[in-house]
Amino acid sequence: MERVKKSIGKRFMGFQTKMYRKIKCKQGGEGYVDSGIKILMAVVIGALVLAGIYALWGDTIMPTLKTRIQDMFNYKG
């Protein structure tokens, strides 16, 4: 029984050591250029969305709102 416990213990410790080495020595990953490109993409997409909302607000919503307010104050009931 003791041999089985020792064998399992050694295998588990060996597995732990292998996993630690794989994680520690991993060469891949995200670099500064990748992060910079992601941030730049987010800024550009955000600017496009804001420009679209601003265009929609100025051309569609504001004239309608202006005429409704004028009609409300020019009410001749």
PDB file of N, CA and C in Angstrom:
ATOM      1  N   MET A   1       0.814  -1.186   0.000  1.00  0.00           N
ATOM      2  CA  MET A   1       0.000   0.000   0.000  1.00  0.00           C
ATOM      3  C   MET A   1       0.868   1.264   0.000  1.00  0.00           C
ATOM      4  N   GLU A   2       1.941   1.216   0.742  1.00  0.00           N
ATOM      5  CA  GLU A   2       2.842   2.358   0.807  1.00  0.00           C
ATOM      6  C   GLU A   2       3.482   2.643  -0.547  1.00  0.00           C
ATOM      7  N   ARG A   3       3.794   1.587  -1.270  1.00  0.00           N
ATOM      8  CA  ARG A   3       4.406   1.772  -2.600  1.00  0.00           C
ATOM      9  C   ARG A   3       3.443   2.473  -3.544  1.00  0.00           C
ATOM     10  N   VAL A   4       2.185   2.103  -3.451  1.00  0.00           N
ATOM     11  CA  VAL A   4       1.179   2.725  -4.324  1.00  0.00           C
ATOM     12  C   VAL A   4       1.067   4.204  -4.003  1.00  0.00           C
ATOM     13  N   LYS A   5       1.037   4.551  -2.727  1.00  0.00           N
ATOM     14  CA  LYS A   5       0.948   5.953  -2.323  1.00  0.00           C
ATOM     15  C   LYS A   5       2.163   6.735  -2.809  1.00  0.00           C
ATOM     16  N   LYS A   6       3.334   6.156  -2.646  1.00  0.00           N
ATOM     17  CA  LYS A   6       4.545   6.837  -3.091  1.00  0.00           C
ATOM     18  C   LYS A   6       4.566   7.005  -4.603  1.00  0.00           C
ATOM     19  N   SER A   7       4.131   5.972  -5.309  1.00  0.00           N
ATOM     20  CA  SER A   7       4.100   6.032  -6.768  1.00  0.00           C
ATOM     21  C   SER A   7       3.142   7.118  -7.250  1.00  0.00           C
ATOM     22  N   ILE A   8       1.960   7.155  -6.631  1.00  0.00           N
ATOM     23  CA  ILE A   8       0.983   8.183  -7.011  1.00  0.00           C
ATOM     24  C   ILE A   8       1.521   9.566  -6.665  1.00  0.00           C
ATOM     25  N   GLY A   9       2.142   9.685  -5.498  1.00  0.00           N
ATOM     26  CA  GLY A   9       2.722  10.962  -5.089  1.00  0.00           C
ATOM     27  C   GLY A   9       3.794  11.437  -6.042  1.00  0.00           C
ATOM     28  N   LYS A  10       4.657  10.541  -6.474  1.00  0.00           N
ATOM     29  CA  LYS A  10       5.721  10.912  -7.415  1.00  0.00           C
ATOM     30  C   LYS A  10       5.141  11.329  -8.760  1.00  0.00           C
ATOM     31  N   ARG A  11       4.139  10.595  -9.222  1.00  0.00           N
ATOM     32  CA  ARG A  11       3.517  10.943 -10.509  1.00  0.00           C
ATOM     33  C   ARG A  11       2.854  12.315 -10.431  1.00  0.00           C
ATOM     34  N   PHE A  12       2.155  12.560  -9.313  1.00  0.00           N
ATOM     35  CA  PHE A  12       1.478  13.849  -9.160  1.00  0.00           C
ATOM     36  C   PHE A  12       2.486  14.986  -9.095  1.00  0.00           C
ATOM     37  N   MET A  13       3.566  14.800  -8.364  1.00  0.00           N
ATOM     38  CA  MET A  13       4.599  15.831  -8.272  1.00  0.00           C
ATOM     39  C   MET A  13       5.268  16.061  -9.621  1.00  0.00           C
ATOM     40  N   GLY A  14       5.471  14.976 -10.361  1.00  0.00           N
ATOM     41  CA  GLY A  14       6.038  15.112 -11.699  1.00  0.00           C
ATOM     42  C   GLY A  14       5.107  15.884 -12.613  1.00  0.00           C
ATOM     43  N   PHE A  15       3.811  15.632 -12.512  1.00  0.00           N
ATOM     44  CA  PHE A  15       2.814  16.339 -13.318  1.00  0.00           C
ATOM     45  C   PHE A  15       2.792  17.818 -12.940  1.00  0.00           C
ATOM     46  N   GLN A  16       2.840  18.094 -11.644  1.00  0.00           N
ATOM     47  CA  GLN A  16       2.856  19.481 -11.197  1.00  0.00           C
ATOM     48  C   GLN A  16       4.083  20.214 -11.726  1.00  0.00           C
ATOM     49  N   THR A  17       5.208  19.589 -11.670  1.00  0.00           N
ATOM     50  CA  THR A  17       6.441  20.207 -12.142  1.00  0.00           C
ATOM     51  C   THR A  17       6.372  20.471 -13.637  1.00  0.00           C
ATOM     52  N   LYS A  18       5.861  19.517 -14.406  1.00  0.00           N
ATOM     53  CA  LYS A  18       5.745  19.705 -15.857  1.00  0.00           C
ATOM     54  C   LYS A  18       4.812  20.866 -16.178  1.00  0.00           C
ATOM     55  N   MET A  19       3.668  20.927 -15.490  1.00  0.00           N
ATOM     56  CA  MET A  19       2.720  22.007 -15.749  1.00  0.00           C
ATOM     57  C   MET A  19       3.315  23.361 -15.367  1.00  0.00           C
ATOM     58  N   TYR A  20       4.032  23.415 -14.258  1.00  0.00           N
ATOM     59  CA  TYR A  20       4.668  24.661 -13.832  1.00  0.00           C
ATOM     60  C   TYR A  20       5.684  25.120 -14.870  1.00  0.00           C
ATOM     61  N   ARG A  21       6.462  24.203 -15.385  1.00  0.00           N
ATOM     62  CA  ARG A  21       7.455  24.563 -16.399  1.00  0.00           C
ATOM     63  C   ARG A  21       6.786  25.057 -17.678  1.00  0.00           C
ATOM     64  N   LYS A  22       5.690  24.403 -18.074  1.00  0.00           N
ATOM     65  CA  LYS A  22       4.990  24.839 -19.284  1.00  0.00           C
ATOM     66  C   LYS A  22       4.438  26.247 -19.125  1.00  0.00           C
ATOM     67  N   ILE A  23       3.859  26.509 -17.962  1.00  0.00           N
ATOM     68  CA  ILE A  23       3.271  27.827 -17.732  1.00  0.00           C
ATOM     69  C   ILE A  23       4.359  28.893 -17.624  1.00  0.00           C
ATOM     70  N   LYS A  24       5.419  28.582 -16.902  1.00  0.00           N
ATOM     71  CA  LYS A  24       6.489  29.550 -16.671  1.00  0.00           C
ATOM     72  C   LYS A  24       7.273  29.847 -17.949  1.00  0.00           C
ATOM     73  N   CYS A  25       7.506  28.850 -18.751  1.00  0.00           N
ATOM     74  CA  CYS A  25       8.350  28.998 -19.932  1.00  0.00           C
ATOM     75  C   CYS A  25       7.564  29.293 -21.201  1.00  0.00           C
ATOM     76  N   LYS A  26       6.298  29.574 -21.079  1.00  0.00           N
ATOM     77  CA  LYS A  26       5.482  29.832 -22.261  1.00  0.00           C
ATOM     78  C   LYS A  26       5.978  31.096 -22.960  1.00  0.00           C
ATOM     79  N   GLN A  27       6.289  30.981 -24.231  1.00  0.00           N
ATOM     80  CA  GLN A  27       6.863  32.095 -24.969  1.00  0.00           C
ATOM     81  C   GLN A  27       5.806  32.925 -25.695  1.00  0.00           C
ATOM     82  N   GLY A  28       4.654  32.352 -25.980  1.00  0.00           N
ATOM     83  CA  GLY A  28       3.609  33.087 -26.688  1.00  0.00           C
ATOM     84  C   GLY A  28       2.942  34.075 -25.756  1.00  0.00           C
ATOM     85  N   GLY A  29       2.115  34.920 -26.335  1.00  0.00           N
ATOM     86  CA  GLY A  29       1.384  35.861 -25.504  1.00  0.00           C
ATOM     87  C   GLY A  29       1.093  37.135 -26.245  1.00  0.00           C
ATOM     88  N   GLU A  30       0.582  38.064 -25.527  1.00  0.00           N
ATOM     89  CA  GLU A  30       0.185  39.325 -26.107  1.00  0.00           C
ATOM     90  C   GLU A  30       1.284  40.351 -25.877  1.00  0.00           C
ATOM     91  N   GLY A  31       1.643  41.033 -26.931  1.00  0.00           N
ATOM     92  CA  GLY A  31       2.697  42.025 -26.819  1.00  0.00           C
ATOM     93  C   GLY A  31       2.144  43.434 -26.817  1.00  0.00           C
ATOM     94  N   TYR A  32       3.050  44.394 -26.835  1.00  0.00           N
ATOM     95  CA  TYR A  32       2.647  45.791 -26.806  1.00  0.00           C
ATOM     96  C   TYR A  32       1.953  46.206 -28.093  1.00  0.00           C
ATOM     97  N   VAL A  33       2.398  45.666 -29.205  1.00  0.00           N
ATOM     98  CA  VAL A  33       1.807  46.028 -30.491  1.00  0.00           C
ATOM     99  C   VAL A  33       0.363  45.541 -30.559  1.00  0.00           C
ATOM    100  N   ASP A  34       0.112  44.324 -30.108  1.00  0.00           N
ATOM    101  CA  ASP A  34      -1.248  43.791 -30.114  1.00  0.00           C
ATOM    102  C   ASP A  34      -2.177  44.652 -29.260  1.00  0.00           C
ATOM    103  N   SER A  35      -1.719  45.017 -28.096  1.00  0.00           N
ATOM    104  CA  SER A  35      -2.535  45.849 -27.203  1.00  0.00           C
ATOM    105  C   SER A  35      -2.788  47.215 -27.829  1.00  0.00           C
ATOM    106  N   GLY A  36      -1.770  47.778 -28.430  1.00  0.00           N
ATOM    107  CA  GLY A  36      -1.927  49.084 -29.074  1.00  0.00           C
ATOM    108  C   GLY A  36      -2.921  49.052 -30.213  1.00  0.00           C
ATOM    109  N   ILE A  37      -2.876  47.993 -31.000  1.00  0.00           N
ATOM    110  CA  ILE A  37      -3.808  47.872 -32.124  1.00  0.00           C
ATOM    111  C   ILE A  37      -5.241  47.719 -31.615  1.00  0.00           C
ATOM    112  N   LYS A  38      -5.431  46.946 -30.559  1.00  0.00           N
ATOM    113  CA  LYS A  38      -6.771  46.776 -29.992  1.00  0.00           C
ATOM    114  C   LYS A  38      -7.315  48.099 -29.462  1.00  0.00           C
ATOM    115  N   ILE A  39      -6.474  48.861 -28.787  1.00  0.00           N
ATOM    116  CA  ILE A  39      -6.913  50.157 -28.264  1.00  0.00           C
ATOM    117  C   ILE A  39      -7.241  51.105 -29.401  1.00  0.00           C
ATOM    118  N   LEU A  40      -6.412  51.122 -30.416  1.00  0.00           N
ATOM    119  CA  LEU A  40      -6.655  51.986 -31.571  1.00  0.00           C
ATOM    120  C   LEU A  40      -7.950  51.617 -32.275  1.00  0.00           C
ATOM    121  N   MET A  41      -8.208  50.327 -32.439  1.00  0.00           N
ATOM    122  CA  MET A  41      -9.455  49.882 -33.060  1.00  0.00           C
ATOM    123  C   MET A  41     -10.660  50.323 -32.232  1.00  0.00           C
ATOM    124  N   ALA A  42     -10.566  50.205 -30.923  1.00  0.00           N
ATOM    125  CA  ALA A  42     -11.676  50.609 -30.058  1.00  0.00           C
ATOM    126  C   ALA A  42     -11.944  52.101 -30.174  1.00  0.00           C
ATOM    127  N   VAL A  43     -10.892  52.906 -30.247  1.00  0.00           N
ATOM    128  CA  VAL A  43     -11.048  54.356 -30.368  1.00  0.00           C
ATOM    129  C   VAL A  43     -11.687  54.708 -31.706  1.00  0.00           C
ATOM    130  N   VAL A  44     -11.227  54.097 -32.775  1.00  0.00           N
ATOM    131  CA  VAL A  44     -11.768  54.401 -34.105  1.00  0.00           C
ATOM    132  C   VAL A  44     -13.237  53.985 -34.204  1.00  0.00           C
ATOM    133  N   ILE A  45     -13.558  52.796 -33.721  1.00  0.00           N
ATOM    134  CA  ILE A  45     -14.948  52.341 -33.769  1.00  0.00           C
ATOM    135  C   ILE A  45     -15.838  53.235 -32.909  1.00  0.00           C
ATOM    136  N   GLY A  46     -15.347  53.629 -31.747  1.00  0.00           N
ATOM    137  CA  GLY A  46     -16.106  54.539 -30.894  1.00  0.00           C
ATOM    138  C   GLY A  46     -16.340  55.884 -31.563  1.00  0.00           C
ATOM    139  N   ALA A  47     -15.331  56.399 -32.235  1.00  0.00           N
ATOM    140  CA  ALA A  47     -15.488  57.676 -32.941  1.00  0.00           C
ATOM    141  C   ALA A  47     -16.506  57.562 -34.064  1.00  0.00           C
ATOM    142  N   LEU A  48     -16.492  56.448 -34.780  1.00  0.00           N
ATOM    143  CA  LEU A  48     -17.470  56.257 -35.846  1.00  0.00           C
ATOM    144  C   LEU A  48     -18.894  56.172 -35.302  1.00  0.00           C
ATOM    145  N   VAL A  49     -19.052  55.473 -34.200  1.00  0.00           N
ATOM    146  CA  VAL A  49     -20.386  55.366 -33.584  1.00  0.00           C
ATOM    147  C   VAL A  49     -20.863  56.736 -33.121  1.00  0.00           C
ATOM    148  N   LEU A  50     -19.973  57.502 -32.475  1.00  0.00           N
ATOM    149  CA  LEU A  50     -20.365  58.838 -32.032  1.00  0.00           C
ATOM    150  C   LEU A  50     -20.690  59.767 -33.201  1.00  0.00           C
ATOM    151  N   ALA A  51     -19.939  59.653 -34.288  1.00  0.00           N
ATOM    152  CA  ALA A  51     -20.224  60.471 -35.471  1.00  0.00           C
ATOM    153  C   ALA A  51     -21.585  60.109 -36.059  1.00  0.00           C
ATOM    154  N   GLY A  52     -21.902  58.814 -36.084  1.00  0.00           N
ATOM    155  CA  GLY A  52     -23.214  58.392 -36.582  1.00  0.00           C
ATOM    156  C   GLY A  52     -24.346  58.903 -35.714  1.00  0.00           C
ATOM    157  N   ILE A  53     -24.170  58.835 -34.413  1.00  0.00           N
ATOM    158  CA  ILE A  53     -25.208  59.339 -33.501  1.00  0.00           C
ATOM    159  C   ILE A  53     -25.357  60.847 -33.647  1.00  0.00           C
ATOM    160  N   TYR A  54     -24.253  61.551 -33.769  1.00  0.00           N
ATOM    161  CA  TYR A  54     -24.304  63.002 -33.935  1.00  0.00           C
ATOM    162  C   TYR A  54     -25.004  63.378 -35.239  1.00  0.00           C
ATOM    163  N   ALA A  55     -24.712  62.648 -36.317  1.00  0.00           N
ATOM    164  CA  ALA A  55     -25.357  62.926 -37.605  1.00  0.00           C
ATOM    165  C   ALA A  55     -26.856  62.646 -37.516  1.00  0.00           C
ATOM    166  N   LEU A  56     -27.214  61.556 -36.885  1.00  0.00           N
ATOM    167  CA  LEU A  56     -28.627  61.223 -36.726  1.00  0.00           C
ATOM    168  C   LEU A  56     -29.333  62.255 -35.856  1.00  0.00           C
ATOM    169  N   TRP A  57     -28.682  62.687 -34.798  1.00  0.00           N
ATOM    170  CA  TRP A  57     -29.270  63.653 -33.885  1.00  0.00           C
ATOM    171  C   TRP A  57     -29.469  65.000 -34.583  1.00  0.00           C
ATOM    172  N   GLY A  58     -28.490  65.439 -35.350  1.00  0.00           N
ATOM    173  CA  GLY A  58     -28.575  66.746 -36.002  1.00  0.00           C
ATOM    174  C   GLY A  58     -29.553  66.783 -37.171  1.00  0.00           C
ATOM    175  N   ASP A  59     -29.647  65.708 -37.937  1.00  0.00           N
ATOM    176  CA  ASP A  59     -30.477  65.727 -39.142  1.00  0.00           C
ATOM    177  C   ASP A  59     -31.903  65.248 -38.907  1.00  0.00           C
ATOM    178  N   THR A  60     -32.101  64.345 -38.022  1.00  0.00           N
ATOM    179  CA  THR A  60     -33.409  63.725 -37.873  1.00  0.00           C
ATOM    180  C   THR A  60     -34.137  64.192 -36.614  1.00  0.00           C
ATOM    181  N   ILE A  61     -33.502  64.169 -35.508  1.00  0.00           N
ATOM    182  CA  ILE A  61     -34.183  64.404 -34.244  1.00  0.00           C
ATOM    183  C   ILE A  61     -34.372  65.895 -33.972  1.00  0.00           C
ATOM    184  N   MET A  62     -33.347  66.705 -34.168  1.00  0.00           N
ATOM    185  CA  MET A  62     -33.444  68.119 -33.826  1.00  0.00           C
ATOM    186  C   MET A  62     -34.493  68.881 -34.641  1.00  0.00           C
ATOM    187  N   PRO A  63     -34.577  68.718 -35.964  1.00  0.00           N
ATOM    188  CA  PRO A  63     -35.631  69.445 -36.689  1.00  0.00           C
ATOM    189  C   PRO A  63     -37.038  69.036 -36.234  1.00  0.00           C
ATOM    190  N   THR A  64     -37.241  67.778 -35.998  1.00  0.00           N
ATOM    191  CA  THR A  64     -38.545  67.317 -35.544  1.00  0.00           C
ATOM    192  C   THR A  64     -38.864  67.897 -34.181  1.00  0.00           C
ATOM    193  N   LEU A  65     -37.893  67.891 -33.290  1.00  0.00           N
ATOM    194  CA  LEU A  65     -38.073  68.430 -31.951  1.00  0.00           C
ATOM    195  C   LEU A  65     -38.339  69.930 -32.006  1.00  0.00           C
ATOM    196  N   LYS A  66     -37.643  70.621 -32.880  1.00  0.00           N
ATOM    197  CA  LYS A  66     -37.811  72.073 -33.009  1.00  0.00           C
ATOM    198  C   LYS A  66     -39.216  72.426 -33.480  1.00  0.00           C
ATOM    199  N   THR A  67     -39.704  71.708 -34.476  1.00  0.00           N
ATOM    200  CA  THR A  67     -41.060  72.002 -34.976  1.00  0.00           C
ATOM    201  C   THR A  67     -42.117  71.650 -33.933  1.00  0.00           C
ATOM    202  N   ARG A  68     -41.927  70.602 -33.201  1.00  0.00           N
ATOM    203  CA  ARG A  68     -42.903  70.241 -32.168  1.00  0.00           C
ATOM    204  C   ARG A  68     -42.937  71.286 -31.053  1.00  0.00           C
ATOM    205  N   ILE A  69     -41.784  71.796 -30.672  1.00  0.00           N
ATOM    206  CA  ILE A  69     -41.747  72.831 -29.636  1.00  0.00           C
ATOM    207  C   ILE A  69     -42.395  74.111 -30.146  1.00  0.00           C
ATOM    208  N   GLN A  70     -42.111  74.479 -31.383  1.00  0.00           N
ATOM    209  CA  GLN A  70     -42.735  75.679 -31.948  1.00  0.00           C
ATOM    210  C   GLN A  70     -44.247  75.505 -32.057  1.00  0.00           C
ATOM    211  N   ASP A  71     -44.710  74.332 -32.475  1.00  0.00           N
ATOM    212  CA  ASP A  71     -46.147  74.090 -32.549  1.00  0.00           C
ATOM    213  C   ASP A  71     -46.789  74.128 -31.173  1.00  0.00           C
ATOM    214  N   MET A  72     -46.079  73.699 -30.172  1.00  0.00           N
ATOM    215  CA  MET A  72     -46.615  73.686 -28.827  1.00  0.00           C
ATOM    216  C   MET A  72     -46.799  75.110 -28.299  1.00  0.00           C
ATOM    217  N   PHE A  73     -45.864  76.000 -28.616  1.00  0.00           N
ATOM    218  CA  PHE A  73     -45.984  77.383 -28.130  1.00  0.00           C
ATOM    219  C   PHE A  73     -46.865  78.244 -29.046  1.00  0.00           C
ATOM    220  N   ASN A  74     -47.100  77.860 -30.255  1.00  0.00           N
ATOM    221  CA  ASN A  74     -47.967  78.601 -31.171  1.00  0.00           C
ATOM    222  C   ASN A  74     -49.391  78.043 -31.169  1.00  0.00           C
ATOM    223  N   TYR A  75     -49.750  77.379 -30.141  1.00  0.00           N
ATOM    224  CA  TYR A  75     -51.068  76.742 -30.060  1.00  0.00           C
ATOM    225  C   TYR A  75     -52.145  77.821 -29.948  1.00  0.00           C
ATOM    226  N   LYS A  76     -53.112  77.736 -30.819  1.00  0.00           N
ATOM    227  CA  LYS A  76     -54.212  78.725 -30.838  1.00  0.00           C
ATOM    228  C   LYS A  76     -55.519  77.986 -30.612  1.00  0.00           C
ATOM    229  N   GLY A  77     -55.680  77.456 -29.432  1.00  0.00           N
ATOM    230  CA  GLY A  77     -56.759  76.584 -29.096  1.00  0.00           C
ATOM    231  C   GLY A  77     -58.089  77.097 -29.122  1.00  0.00           C
TER     232      GLY A  77
END
